[in-house]
C-alpha atoms as a PDB file:
ATOM      1  CA  MET A   1       7.032   0.460 -31.246  1.00  0.00           C
ATOM      2  CA  THR A   2       3.860  -1.577 -31.470  1.00  0.00           C
ATOM      3  CA  VAL A   3       0.635  -0.014 -30.251  1.00  0.00           C
ATOM      4  CA  ALA A   4      -1.637  -2.167 -28.096  1.00  0.00           C
ATOM      5  CA  TRP A   5      -4.948  -1.064 -29.597  1.00  0.00           C
ATOM      6  CA  LEU A   6      -8.033  -1.061 -27.389  1.00  0.00           C
ATOM      7  CA  ASN A   7     -10.373  -4.017 -27.650  1.00  0.00           C
ATOM      8  CA  ASP A   8     -14.153  -3.549 -27.697  1.00  0.00           C
ATOM      9  CA  ASP A   9     -14.549  -3.847 -23.911  1.00  0.00           C
ATOM     10  CA  GLU A  10     -11.706  -1.386 -23.322  1.00  0.00           C
ATOM     11  CA  ILE A  11     -13.204   1.069 -25.828  1.00  0.00           C
ATOM     12  CA  ASP A  12     -16.590   0.844 -24.118  1.00  0.00           C
ATOM     13  CA  THR A  13     -15.057   1.434 -20.675  1.00  0.00           C
ATOM     14  CA  TRP A  14     -12.871   4.285 -21.932  1.00  0.00           C
ATOM     15  CA  LEU A  15     -15.830   6.027 -23.608  1.00  0.00           C
ATOM     16  CA  LYS A  16     -17.933   5.732 -20.446  1.00  0.00           C
ATOM     17  CA  PHE A  17     -15.095   7.085 -18.303  1.00  0.00           C
ATOM     18  CA  ARG A  18     -14.489   9.962 -20.732  1.00  0.00           C
ATOM     19  CA  ALA A  19     -18.206  10.835 -20.722  1.00  0.00           C
ATOM     20  CA  LEU A  20     -18.254  10.771 -16.921  1.00  0.00           C
ATOM     21  CA  VAL A  21     -15.225  13.057 -16.689  1.00  0.00           C
ATOM     22  CA  GLU A  22     -16.751  15.478 -19.200  1.00  0.00           C
ATOM     23  CA  LEU A  23     -20.361  15.497 -17.958  1.00  0.00           C
ATOM     24  CA  PHE A  24     -20.040  15.262 -14.193  1.00  0.00           C
ATOM     25  CA  PRO A  25     -18.508  18.687 -13.483  1.00  0.00           C
ATOM     26  CA  SER A  26     -21.615  20.469 -14.767  1.00  0.00           C
ATOM     27  CA  VAL A  27     -23.839  18.174 -12.680  1.00  0.00           C
ATOM     28  CA  ILE A  28     -22.048  19.530  -9.592  1.00  0.00           C
ATOM     29  CA  ASP A  29     -21.416  23.073 -10.837  1.00  0.00           C
ATOM     30  CA  ALA A  30     -24.891  24.051 -12.096  1.00  0.00           C
ATOM     31  CA  PRO A  31     -26.758  23.648  -8.763  1.00  0.00           C
ATOM     32  CA  LEU A  32     -24.040  25.563  -6.894  1.00  0.00           C
ATOM     33  CA  ARG A  33     -24.255  28.454  -9.349  1.00  0.00           C
ATOM     34  CA  ARG A  34     -28.054  28.457  -9.252  1.00  0.00           C
ATOM     35  CA  GLU A  35     -28.468  28.110  -5.481  1.00  0.00           C
ATOM     36  CA  SER A  36     -25.405  29.933  -4.109  1.00  0.00           C
ATOM     37  CA  GLY A  37     -23.996  32.056  -6.917  1.00  0.00           C
ATOM     38  CA  ILE A  38     -20.600  30.335  -6.900  1.00  0.00           C
ATOM     39  CA  SER A  39     -18.939  27.851  -9.196  1.00  0.00           C
ATOM     40  CA  PHE A  40     -17.696  24.455  -8.085  1.00  0.00           C
ATOM     41  CA  MET A  41     -14.103  25.719  -8.420  1.00  0.00           C
ATOM     42  CA  GLU A  42     -14.902  28.677  -6.168  1.00  0.00           C
ATOM     43  CA  TYR A  43     -16.581  26.311  -3.705  1.00  0.00           C
ATOM     44  CA  GLN A  44     -13.485  24.084  -3.706  1.00  0.00           C
ATOM     45  CA  VAL A  45     -11.227  27.039  -2.906  1.00  0.00           C
ATOM     46  CA  LEU A  46     -13.466  28.264  -0.087  1.00  0.00           C
ATOM     47  CA  ALA A  47     -13.688  24.724   1.317  1.00  0.00           C
ATOM     48  CA  MET A  48      -9.923  24.185   1.188  1.00  0.00           C
ATOM     49  CA  LEU A  49      -9.342  27.464   2.995  1.00  0.00           C
ATOM     50  CA  SER A  50     -11.920  26.554   5.635  1.00  0.00           C
ATOM     51  CA  GLU A  51     -10.096  23.328   6.476  1.00  0.00           C
ATOM     52  CA  THR A  52      -7.097  25.067   8.056  1.00  0.00           C
ATOM     53  CA  ASP A  53      -7.161  26.521  11.560  1.00  0.00           C
ATOM     54  CA  ASP A  54      -6.493  30.034  10.325  1.00  0.00           C
ATOM     55  CA  ARG A  55      -8.524  29.687   7.066  1.00  0.00           C
ATOM     56  CA  THR A  56      -5.384  30.564   5.114  1.00  0.00           C
ATOM     57  CA  LEU A  57      -3.332  28.792   2.453  1.00  0.00           C
ATOM     58  CA  GLN A  58      -0.514  29.777   0.160  1.00  0.00           C
ATOM     59  CA  ILE A  59      -1.940  30.639  -3.267  1.00  0.00           C
ATOM     60  CA  SER A  60       0.463  28.294  -5.057  1.00  0.00           C
ATOM     61  CA  SER A  61      -0.761  25.465  -2.819  1.00  0.00           C
ATOM     62  CA  LEU A  62      -4.379  26.238  -3.721  1.00  0.00           C
ATOM     63  CA  ALA A  63      -3.470  26.176  -7.406  1.00  0.00           C
ATOM     64  CA  GLN A  64      -1.734  22.808  -7.060  1.00  0.00           C
ATOM     65  CA  ARG A  65      -4.519  21.234  -5.052  1.00  0.00           C
ATOM     66  CA  THR A  66      -7.161  22.339  -7.562  1.00  0.00           C
ATOM     67  CA  THR A  67      -4.988  21.375 -10.579  1.00  0.00           C
ATOM     68  CA  SER A  68      -5.177  24.984 -11.656  1.00  0.00           C
ATOM     69  CA  LYS A  69      -2.565  27.209 -13.213  1.00  0.00           C
ATOM     70  CA  LEU A  70      -1.318  29.940 -10.882  1.00  0.00           C
ATOM     71  CA  THR A  71      -2.643  32.650 -13.218  1.00  0.00           C
ATOM     72  CA  ARG A  72      -6.110  31.064 -13.264  1.00  0.00           C
ATOM     73  CA  MET A  73      -6.073  30.834  -9.469  1.00  0.00           C
ATOM     74  CA  SER A  74      -5.028  34.457  -9.247  1.00  0.00           C
ATOM     75  CA  HIS A  75      -7.976  35.532 -11.441  1.00  0.00           C
ATOM     76  CA  LEU A  76     -10.375  33.400  -9.398  1.00  0.00           C
ATOM     77  CA  LEU A  77      -9.064  34.892  -6.143  1.00  0.00           C
ATOM     78  CA  THR A  78      -9.463  38.382  -7.592  1.00  0.00           C
ATOM     79  CA  ARG A  79     -13.158  37.657  -8.268  1.00  0.00           C
ATOM     80  CA  LEU A  80     -13.624  36.178  -4.790  1.00  0.00           C
ATOM     81  CA  SER A  81     -11.761  39.105  -3.249  1.00  0.00           C
ATOM     82  CA  GLU A  82     -13.952  41.627  -5.070  1.00  0.00           C
ATOM     83  CA  ARG A  83     -16.958  39.906  -3.474  1.00  0.00           C
ATOM     84  CA  GLY A  84     -15.348  40.069  -0.024  1.00  0.00           C
ATOM     85  CA  LEU A  85     -15.081  36.277   0.256  1.00  0.00           C
ATOM     86  CA  VAL A  86     -11.289  36.023   0.441  1.00  0.00           C
ATOM     87  CA  GLU A  87      -8.430  38.406   0.961  1.00  0.00           C
ATOM     88  CA  ARG A  88      -4.834  38.217  -0.145  1.00  0.00           C
ATOM     89  CA  GLN A  89      -2.133  38.459   2.489  1.00  0.00           C
ATOM     90  CA  ALA A  90       1.574  38.925   1.855  1.00  0.00           C
ATOM     91  CA  SER A  91       4.049  36.722   3.661  1.00  0.00           C
ATOM     92  CA  THR A  92       6.105  38.462   6.316  1.00  0.00           C
ATOM     93  CA  ARG A  93       9.028  36.103   5.568  1.00  0.00           C
ATOM     94  CA  ASP A  94       9.141  35.927   1.785  1.00  0.00           C
ATOM     95  CA  ALA A  95       7.978  38.718  -0.526  1.00  0.00           C
ATOM     96  CA  ARG A  96       7.392  36.156  -3.303  1.00  0.00           C
ATOM     97  CA  VAL A  97       4.746  34.335  -1.244  1.00  0.00           C
ATOM     98  CA  THR A  98       1.113  35.378  -1.042  1.00  0.00           C
ATOM     99  CA  TYR A  99      -1.666  33.739   0.932  1.00  0.00           C
ATOM    100  CA  ALA A 100      -5.396  33.559   0.433  1.00  0.00           C
ATOM    101  CA  HIS A 101      -7.475  33.992   3.580  1.00  0.00           C
ATOM    102  CA  LEU A 102     -11.150  33.046   3.871  1.00  0.00           C
ATOM    103  CA  THR A 103     -13.115  35.973   5.280  1.00  0.00           C
ATOM    104  CA  ASP A 104     -16.087  35.674   7.600  1.00  0.00           C
ATOM    105  CA  ALA A 105     -18.337  36.445   4.598  1.00  0.00           C
ATOM    106  CA  GLY A 106     -16.649  33.675   2.617  1.00  0.00           C
ATOM    107  CA  LEU A 107     -17.119  31.216   5.456  1.00  0.00           C
ATOM    108  CA  ALA A 108     -20.784  32.196   5.756  1.00  0.00           C
ATOM    109  CA  LEU A 109     -21.327  31.661   2.018  1.00  0.00           C
ATOM    110  CA  LEU A 110     -19.556  28.298   2.182  1.00  0.00           C
ATOM    111  CA  GLU A 111     -21.668  27.217   5.148  1.00  0.00           C
ATOM    112  CA  SER A 112     -24.880  28.211   3.356  1.00  0.00           C
ATOM    113  CA  ALA A 113     -23.821  26.484   0.100  1.00  0.00           C
ATOM    114  CA  ALA A 114     -22.567  23.273   1.726  1.00  0.00           C
ATOM    115  CA  PRO A 115     -25.904  21.535   2.448  1.00  0.00           C
ATOM    116  CA  GLY A 116     -27.114  21.861  -1.155  1.00  0.00           C
ATOM    117  CA  HIS A 117     -23.738  20.822  -2.498  1.00  0.00           C
ATOM    118  CA  VAL A 118     -23.617  17.755  -0.263  1.00  0.00           C
ATOM    119  CA  ARG A 119     -27.164  16.820  -1.293  1.00  0.00           C
ATOM    120  CA  GLN A 120     -26.132  17.042  -4.958  1.00  0.00           C
ATOM    121  CA  VAL A 121     -22.960  14.983  -4.410  1.00  0.00           C
ATOM    122  CA  ARG A 122     -25.044  12.354  -2.625  1.00  0.00           C
ATOM    123  CA  ALA A 123     -27.801  12.281  -5.260  1.00  0.00           C
ATOM    124  CA  ALA A 124     -25.552  12.250  -8.326  1.00  0.00           C
ATOM    125  CA  PHE A 125     -22.631  10.225  -6.994  1.00  0.00           C
ATOM    126  CA  LEU A 126     -22.722   8.490  -3.622  1.00  0.00           C
ATOM    127  CA  ASP A 127     -26.323   7.283  -3.505  1.00  0.00           C
ATOM    128  CA  VAL A 128     -26.221   5.715  -6.974  1.00  0.00           C
ATOM    129  CA  LEU A 129     -23.426   3.373  -5.857  1.00  0.00           C
ATOM    130  CA  SER A 130     -23.633   0.477  -3.444  1.00  0.00           C
ATOM    131  CA  PRO A 131     -21.112   0.431  -0.576  1.00  0.00           C
ATOM    132  CA  ALA A 132     -19.176  -2.279  -2.456  1.00  0.00           C
ATOM    133  CA  GLN A 133     -19.124  -0.192  -5.648  1.00  0.00           C
ATOM    134  CA  LEU A 134     -18.006   2.867  -3.699  1.00  0.00           C
ATOM    135  CA  ALA A 135     -15.151   0.870  -2.157  1.00  0.00           C
ATOM    136  CA  GLN A 136     -14.177  -0.434  -5.611  1.00  0.00           C
ATOM    137  CA  LEU A 137     -14.280   3.058  -7.068  1.00  0.00           C
ATOM    138  CA  ASP A 138     -12.119   4.319  -4.222  1.00  0.00           C
ATOM    139  CA  ASP A 139      -9.537   1.619  -4.992  1.00  0.00           C
ATOM    140  CA  ILE A 140      -9.698   2.378  -8.715  1.00  0.00           C
ATOM    141  CA  CYS A 141      -9.262   6.119  -8.155  1.00  0.00           C
ATOM    142  CA  GLU A 142      -6.373   5.513  -5.766  1.00  0.00           C
ATOM    143  CA  THR A 143      -4.650   3.276  -8.334  1.00  0.00           C
ATOM    144  CA  ILE A 144      -5.071   5.745 -11.205  1.00  0.00           C
ATOM    145  CA  LEU A 145      -4.068   8.724  -9.049  1.00  0.00           C
ATOM    146  CA  ALA A 146      -0.934   6.899  -7.875  1.00  0.00           C
ATOM    147  CA  GLY A 147       0.218   7.047 -11.480  1.00  0.00           C
ATOM    148  CA  ILE A 148      -0.810  10.592 -12.356  1.00  0.00           C
ATOM    149  CA  ASP A 149      -0.511  12.331  -8.949  1.00  0.00           C
ATOM    150  CA  PRO A 150       1.973  10.177  -7.019  1.00  0.00           C
ATOM    151  CA  GLU A 151       2.509  12.805  -4.324  1.00  0.00           C
ATOM    152  CA  GLY A 152      -1.227  13.079  -3.685  1.00  0.00           C
ATOM    153  CA  VAL A 153      -1.252  16.858  -4.126  1.00  0.00           C
ATOM    154  CA  THR A 154      -4.813  17.016  -5.466  1.00  0.00           C
ATOM    155  CA  THR A 155      -6.323  14.874  -2.714  1.00  0.00           C
ATOM    156  CA  ALA A 156      -4.289  16.136   0.245  1.00  0.00           C
ATOM    157  CA  ARG A 157      -6.233  17.560   3.140  1.00  0.00           C
ATOM    158  CA  PRO A 158      -4.705  19.655   5.906  1.00  0.00           C
ATOM    159  CA  ALA A 159      -3.974  17.726   9.072  1.00  0.00           C
ATOM    160  CA  PRO A 160      -6.328  18.535  11.928  1.00  0.00           C
ATOM    161  CA  GLY A 161      -5.001  21.536  13.783  1.00  0.00           C
ATOM    162  CA  SER A 162      -2.818  22.640  10.862  1.00  0.00           C
ATOM    163  CA  ARG A 163      -2.177  26.232  10.117  1.00  0.00           C
ATOM    164  CA  GLY A 164      -2.011  27.479   6.561  1.00  0.00           C
ATOM    165  CA  ARG A 165       0.658  30.107   7.128  1.00  0.00           C
ATOM    166  CA  ASP A 166       4.315  29.535   7.719  1.00  0.00           C
ATOM    167  CA  ASP A 167       5.009  32.978   9.152  1.00  0.00           C
END
């Protein structure tokens, strides 16, 4: 099989994309840790839980949506639970299923962290792009994600009025 080696323009674009993917998480994570005492991953979990009517999601769903291994999600939920931000709830229908529920304290922390997080996302991401560039980036992301996440698991948002529990 012949390899289609990258040309100079492709190498330049690939290196820029790789740098973006590697550097950007800390640009978002560091202010959250400093200002709110939570990591970006913890923020994501709290935010995902807050988007359902009952602030509850199946733990395996949280792991999928954050591209996290179930064991990593379990450790993260243990830390959040120890801080009183989430609680685990067993399913009444299936003993193999466990849910994560956002507590009032978790919601309060999320609500206090959100303004700073949104400011950082705007400053480091949205405001540096023109509306046309943002639309192009959206199309590019959608195209790439169609190939690597065809079911849209990582970008799925609960439908308005959805409940996280099935029991």
